[in-house]
Amino acid sequence: MKHLLLILIVLIRVVGSTAQESRSHAVAITRHDLPSISKYILATQDNVGMYKQNLNNHSQEHDVNSIIKDIETYLNAMPKNRSESDVLLSRQFNPLRHFFLTTTNKTSVATEFLYSVNPYQFCNYNDTAIALYIFALNDDITYNLEKHTEKKVMRKVLDECLLPSLKAMDEFKDNEIKYIGLSVYFGSKDTREGSPKDHIVSGCLTLVTRLNDIQQFSSGLITEKGLLANSELYYSDGTESQVLNRIVINIE
């Protein structure tokens, strides 16, 4: 009887240790099976010209219904051997759907998004956490560089596009997604002396921040200044495609 009890104790310890190793291995796969968010931010910066192209022929516009339909079609045709990104999409479809349905651009619900292949990607953040990166927001107002400096334009894009859209993240409740990345395309008319006629300067502003901070900011527990203190901001005008240009926007 004592021998049997000893054998059971050993088996329990072995099974427990194996399960722990399995969980640790699963976490490692989760991190390394996803692309780096830095890679996707760089790719988004390469597409900054989409804003200018869209002004000419509206070829890059996608409405929210087409986005949701594309995701549902992909989910229904998803293979049995799923990638980590596929697994995350299955789990996070409802909050992702909620984001696209309710995200706001200034005072209205955003009805168009700009992207060439797909508008989102689950990513690896610094080999430590999972991030959801949405890189399709569109600022439908063209600014005037004769009235606003480039820094002031970026501040308006941050205040009136990126930060309001964070409120649409309220359906992400669990602890699986740790970071959120959002990019918005925008443009400015350069009517200053010496500029080409009807010249549009297009740009991309990207915010990367913790989901926990987004939830606190949306609930009024931290200020915009507090949110940005723990966030990363990147800007590109499309001229340096392989450079992450981190910027600071001062909040009084």
Protein backbone atom coordinates (compact mmCIF):
# COMPACT_ATOMS: atom_id res chain seq x y z
CA MET A 1 0.00 0.00 0.00
CA LYS A 2 2.86 2.35 0.89
CA HIS A 3 4.59 1.48 -2.38
CA LEU A 4 1.40 2.22 -4.33
CA LEU A 5 0.98 5.56 -2.57
CA LEU A 6 4.60 6.46 -3.35
CA ILE A 7 4.11 5.60 -7.01
CA LEU A 8 0.98 7.80 -7.17
CA ILE A 9 2.83 10.75 -5.64
CA VAL A 10 5.68 10.39 -8.15
CA LEU A 11 3.20 10.21 -11.05
CA ILE A 12 1.37 13.32 -9.87
CA ARG A 13 4.62 15.25 -9.68
CA VAL A 14 5.73 14.08 -13.12
CA VAL A 15 2.38 14.96 -14.73
CA GLY A 16 2.35 18.35 -13.02
CA SER A 17 5.89 19.11 -14.15
CA THR A 18 5.09 18.03 -17.71
CA ALA A 19 1.98 20.20 -17.80
CA GLN A 20 3.95 23.19 -16.54
CA GLU A 21 6.61 22.66 -19.20
CA SER A 22 3.87 22.34 -21.84
CA ARG A 23 2.31 25.64 -20.77
CA SER A 24 5.68 27.37 -20.82
CA HIS A 25 6.37 25.97 -24.28
CA ALA A 26 2.98 27.21 -25.51
CA VAL A 27 3.75 30.74 -24.32
CA ALA A 28 7.09 30.66 -26.12
CA ILE A 29 5.40 29.58 -29.35
CA THR A 30 2.85 32.35 -28.97
CA ARG A 31 5.59 34.96 -28.82
CA HIS A 32 7.82 33.67 -31.59
CA ASP A 33 5.14 32.54 -34.00
CA LEU A 34 3.93 36.12 -34.49
CA PRO A 35 5.63 38.87 -36.53
CA SER A 36 7.24 41.82 -34.81
CA ILE A 37 5.04 44.90 -34.50
CA SER A 38 8.04 47.00 -35.59
CA LYS A 39 8.05 45.16 -38.90
CA TYR A 40 4.42 45.99 -39.50
CA ILE A 41 4.80 49.63 -38.52
CA LEU A 42 7.56 49.92 -41.12
CA ALA A 43 5.32 48.26 -43.72
CA THR A 44 2.52 50.69 -42.88
CA GLN A 45 4.89 53.61 -43.37
CA ASP A 46 5.65 52.26 -46.84
CA ASN A 47 1.94 52.59 -47.63
CA VAL A 48 1.67 56.23 -46.59
CA GLY A 49 1.04 57.24 -50.19
CA MET A 50 -2.34 55.49 -50.05
CA TYR A 51 -3.88 58.62 -48.58
CA LYS A 52 -2.84 60.73 -51.57
CA GLN A 53 -3.87 58.03 -54.04
CA ASN A 54 -7.25 57.68 -52.38
CA LEU A 55 -7.93 61.41 -52.76
CA ASN A 56 -7.52 61.00 -56.51
CA ASN A 57 -9.66 57.94 -57.18
CA HIS A 58 -11.03 56.57 -53.85
CA SER A 59 -9.43 53.24 -54.73
CA GLN A 60 -8.21 52.40 -51.22
CA GLU A 61 -11.44 52.93 -49.29
CA HIS A 62 -13.04 50.03 -47.41
CA ASP A 63 -16.17 50.36 -45.33
CA VAL A 64 -16.70 48.55 -42.07
CA ASN A 65 -19.18 46.02 -43.50
CA SER A 66 -16.67 44.80 -46.08
CA ILE A 67 -14.01 44.43 -43.36
CA ILE A 68 -16.27 42.32 -41.14
CA LYS A 69 -17.45 40.23 -44.09
CA ASP A 70 -13.85 39.52 -45.12
CA ILE A 71 -12.96 38.43 -41.58
CA GLU A 72 -16.01 36.15 -41.35
CA THR A 73 -15.20 34.61 -44.74
CA TYR A 74 -11.65 33.94 -43.61
CA LEU A 75 -12.80 32.40 -40.32
CA ASN A 76 -15.24 30.09 -42.10
CA ALA A 77 -12.52 28.86 -44.47
CA MET A 78 -9.80 28.60 -41.84
CA PRO A 79 -7.76 25.37 -42.07
CA LYS A 80 -7.52 22.90 -39.19
CA ASN A 81 -3.79 23.55 -38.84
CA ARG A 82 -4.14 27.10 -37.60
CA SER A 83 -1.36 29.57 -37.04
CA GLU A 84 -1.15 31.44 -33.75
CA SER A 85 -2.54 34.50 -35.50
CA ASP A 86 -5.54 32.45 -36.68
CA VAL A 87 -6.19 31.22 -33.14
CA LEU A 88 -6.07 34.78 -31.83
CA LEU A 89 -8.43 35.99 -34.54
CA SER A 90 -10.95 33.29 -33.59
CA ARG A 91 -10.82 34.33 -29.95
CA GLN A 92 -10.78 38.07 -30.53
CA PHE A 93 -13.23 38.38 -33.43
CA ASN A 94 -16.09 39.90 -31.40
CA PRO A 95 -14.06 42.73 -29.79
CA LEU A 96 -12.31 43.36 -33.13
CA ARG A 97 -15.68 43.54 -34.86
CA HIS A 98 -16.88 45.93 -32.15
CA PHE A 99 -13.88 48.19 -32.75
CA PHE A 100 -14.54 48.59 -36.47
CA LEU A 101 -18.25 49.17 -35.86
CA THR A 102 -17.85 51.83 -33.19
CA THR A 103 -14.48 53.54 -33.71
CA THR A 104 -14.90 57.27 -34.21
CA ASN A 105 -13.06 59.75 -36.35
CA LYS A 106 -13.79 63.17 -34.93
CA THR A 107 -17.57 63.40 -34.42
CA SER A 108 -18.83 60.58 -36.62
CA VAL A 109 -18.43 56.83 -36.89
CA ALA A 110 -15.61 56.06 -39.29
CA THR A 111 -17.14 54.66 -42.47
CA GLU A 112 -13.98 54.16 -44.47
CA PHE A 113 -10.58 52.67 -43.80
CA LEU A 114 -7.44 52.68 -45.93
CA TYR A 115 -5.43 49.52 -46.53
CA SER A 116 -4.11 47.41 -49.39
CA VAL A 117 -4.21 43.83 -48.04
CA ASN A 118 -5.80 43.66 -44.58
CA PRO A 119 -6.38 46.26 -41.83
CA TYR A 120 -5.01 44.44 -38.77
CA GLN A 121 -2.36 42.01 -37.56
CA PHE A 122 -1.63 40.20 -34.32
CA CYS A 123 2.01 40.87 -33.49
CA ASN A 124 4.83 40.17 -31.12
CA TYR A 125 5.74 43.16 -28.94
CA ASN A 126 9.45 43.12 -28.01
CA ASP A 127 9.40 39.33 -27.52
CA THR A 128 7.45 39.83 -24.29
CA ALA A 129 3.76 40.19 -25.13
CA ILE A 130 1.05 39.96 -27.77
CA ALA A 131 -0.08 43.13 -29.52
CA LEU A 132 -2.99 43.87 -31.83
CA TYR A 133 -2.01 46.34 -34.54
CA ILE A 134 -4.73 48.11 -36.57
CA PHE A 135 -3.25 50.18 -39.37
CA ALA A 136 -6.18 51.45 -41.41
CA LEU A 137 -7.60 54.56 -39.76
CA ASN A 138 -8.23 57.48 -42.09
CA ASP A 139 -8.42 61.16 -41.20
CA ASP A 140 -10.90 62.57 -43.70
CA ILE A 141 -9.88 66.19 -43.14
CA THR A 142 -7.05 67.61 -45.23
CA TYR A 143 -5.10 70.14 -43.16
CA ASN A 144 -3.45 73.32 -44.39
CA LEU A 145 0.24 73.82 -43.61
CA GLU A 146 -0.18 77.54 -44.14
CA LYS A 147 -2.43 77.63 -41.07
CA HIS A 148 -0.88 74.86 -38.96
CA THR A 149 2.70 73.73 -38.47
CA GLU A 150 3.40 70.04 -39.08
CA LYS A 151 3.69 69.56 -35.30
CA LYS A 152 0.25 71.11 -34.75
CA VAL A 153 -1.23 68.91 -37.47
CA MET A 154 0.13 65.82 -35.73
CA ARG A 155 -1.33 67.03 -32.43
CA LYS A 156 -4.76 67.44 -34.03
CA VAL A 157 -4.53 63.98 -35.62
CA LEU A 158 -3.62 62.52 -32.22
CA ASP A 159 -6.39 64.35 -30.34
CA GLU A 160 -9.16 64.00 -32.91
CA CYS A 161 -8.46 60.62 -34.51
CA LEU A 162 -6.21 58.32 -32.51
CA LEU A 163 -7.32 59.06 -28.95
CA PRO A 164 -11.10 59.02 -29.64
CA SER A 165 -10.74 55.67 -31.40
CA LEU A 166 -9.32 54.11 -28.22
CA LYS A 167 -12.80 54.13 -26.69
CA ALA A 168 -13.79 51.45 -29.21
CA MET A 169 -11.34 49.06 -27.52
CA ASP A 170 -13.71 48.51 -24.58
CA GLU A 171 -14.67 44.97 -25.63
CA PHE A 172 -11.12 43.65 -25.20
CA LYS A 173 -11.57 42.34 -21.67
CA ASP A 174 -9.16 39.46 -21.19
CA ASN A 175 -5.42 39.42 -20.57
CA GLU A 176 -4.35 37.85 -23.87
CA ILE A 177 -3.76 41.14 -25.73
CA LYS A 178 -1.31 43.32 -23.81
CA TYR A 179 -0.58 46.10 -26.32
CA ILE A 180 -2.55 47.96 -28.97
CA GLY A 181 -1.06 49.71 -31.98
CA LEU A 182 -3.08 52.14 -34.11
CA SER A 183 -1.99 53.98 -37.25
CA VAL A 184 -3.87 56.80 -38.97
CA TYR A 185 -3.22 58.17 -42.47
CA PHE A 186 -3.69 61.90 -42.97
CA GLY A 187 -2.81 64.66 -45.40
CA SER A 188 -2.00 68.36 -45.49
CA LYS A 189 -2.16 70.88 -48.32
CA ASP A 190 1.09 72.74 -48.72
CA THR A 191 0.05 76.12 -50.08
CA ARG A 192 3.13 77.91 -48.80
CA GLU A 193 5.14 80.02 -51.20
CA GLY A 194 7.36 77.94 -53.46
CA SER A 195 5.34 74.71 -53.05
CA PRO A 196 3.95 72.92 -56.13
CA LYS A 197 0.32 73.68 -56.94
CA ASP A 198 -2.20 71.47 -55.12
CA HIS A 199 0.66 69.71 -53.31
CA ILE A 200 -0.51 67.22 -50.66
CA VAL A 201 1.85 66.03 -47.94
CA SER A 202 0.61 62.66 -46.68
CA GLY A 203 1.70 61.14 -43.39
CA CYS A 204 1.14 58.31 -40.94
CA LEU A 205 0.95 58.67 -37.16
CA THR A 206 1.20 55.52 -35.05
CA LEU A 207 0.40 55.07 -31.37
CA VAL A 208 1.49 51.95 -29.45
CA THR A 209 0.27 51.63 -25.89
CA ARG A 210 -0.76 49.11 -23.26
CA LEU A 211 -4.33 47.86 -23.32
CA ASN A 212 -4.53 48.36 -19.56
CA ASP A 213 -3.65 52.06 -19.99
CA ILE A 214 -6.28 52.39 -22.73
CA GLN A 215 -8.93 51.02 -20.39
CA GLN A 216 -7.87 53.42 -17.62
CA PHE A 217 -7.79 56.37 -20.04
CA SER A 218 -11.26 55.53 -21.40
CA SER A 219 -12.58 55.32 -17.82
CA GLY A 220 -11.06 58.68 -16.87
CA LEU A 221 -8.60 57.13 -14.41
CA ILE A 222 -5.56 58.56 -16.22
CA THR A 223 -5.18 61.66 -18.36
CA GLU A 224 -4.00 61.99 -21.95
CA LYS A 225 -0.62 63.05 -20.56
CA GLY A 226 -0.49 59.95 -18.38
CA LEU A 227 -1.40 57.71 -21.30
CA LEU A 228 1.26 59.17 -23.58
CA ALA A 229 3.93 58.93 -20.87
CA ASN A 230 3.79 55.13 -21.21
CA SER A 231 3.17 55.06 -24.97
CA GLU A 232 5.20 55.15 -28.17
CA LEU A 233 4.46 57.59 -31.01
CA TYR A 234 5.89 57.21 -34.50
CA TYR A 235 5.56 59.48 -37.52
CA SER A 236 6.44 58.97 -41.17
CA ASP A 237 5.89 60.98 -44.34
CA GLY A 238 6.89 57.96 -46.42
CA THR A 239 10.34 59.21 -47.37
CA GLU A 240 12.30 56.93 -45.02
CA SER A 241 10.63 53.55 -45.26
CA GLN A 242 13.12 51.61 -43.13
CA VAL A 243 13.33 54.05 -40.22
CA LEU A 244 11.09 54.18 -37.16
CA ASN A 245 10.93 57.86 -36.35
CA ARG A 246 9.80 58.10 -32.74
CA ILE A 247 8.40 61.49 -31.78
CA VAL A 248 7.19 63.27 -28.66
CA ILE A 249 4.08 65.45 -28.60
CA ASN A 250 4.08 67.62 -25.52
CA ILE A 251 0.83 67.76 -23.57
CA GLU A 252 0.37 70.69 -21.21
